């Protein structure tokens, strides 16, 4: 090789070496800095997948590189188990649609948790034990009955009169117990004024129940000690029972009153319509369970007919014989089962 040829070869070698090995000699050297500035649109995002860095409202691609349009985040793989839309991809420069265990993970009732949690599973509803929206007793729950003479317990000497409160246990397993605090002649107002609700409140515990049946004695306008207006004061008193239960992490259940034996033109009548409507309205307003015993009992009366009700069910126009008390208790148990309460599974 001549000296001239040698110099040209060395010059070419020097040029190649100046490229620091980025590309082979003779190839076009790309601008690496320019490629990064452009966002490297041909490369998938790195580090911005379904982890905590991609929470709702925070852009995907926390390493500083934005994912290209339509490209899966996190190294080219779809976002997996990110607490949101599993497998969702991110748009270029846009926040991650799925998030990372953020709001999307909680929308299905589960607390999505940090990256890696399944969007349908984590944490249940967060409202009670095992996903129940009601408090659950740590032991054997007790149901307290606050009501009037149609519910109260009568002695053997008062037979055949009975209240449904003394028959209700027959329709439940031994996993739940009942304490009947019902007493004749009381209204929602007088029961409270006499301190009877306070007595129940003192012994209520978490997961217990307070079943309240009012309206029968609330209707006597001539008796200011008992009267409540179904549009106003009656509702206020019902809310006191609900508040008492909630203060002890117990569950209030409102029960519409049992029917009077009022039979007109071949139909059994609801003589407490205003109070029944008020009970349902308060139940809806406060999200308190309601057993519509009035409606259930009238349907039962219709099914068996007036003669049977008059002979077997009713002691008088308002109170019950043994069979009547038993049937009312059965209907209350039926209503309890329909409500889906923690004790609903204890109905026989």
Foldseek 3Di string as FASTA:
>chain_A
DDPVVVVVVVVQVVVQVVVVPQDGRPDDDDDPVVCVVVLVAVFAAAPFALFQQQAPPHAGRVVNGWGAAPAAHHRRFFRALQLAPGRDGDGTPDRGPGGGQYPRLPPLQASSDGHNRHSNDHDANPQEPPNDVAHADPAQAEEEEEEALQAAADDPVPPQFGHLVVQLVVQFAPSHYYDYPYYHPAALQLCVVVVVLVVVLVPDAAAYEYEYEHQPNQPDPVDPSHHDDLVPRSLVSVVVSQVSQVVRSYAYEYEYAAAFQDADPRAGDRPRVSNLVSSVVSCVVVVHHYQDLHVVNRVVCSVVDDVCCVPAFDPHRHTGGPVNSNVSSVSVLVSLLVVPRPRVVRGD
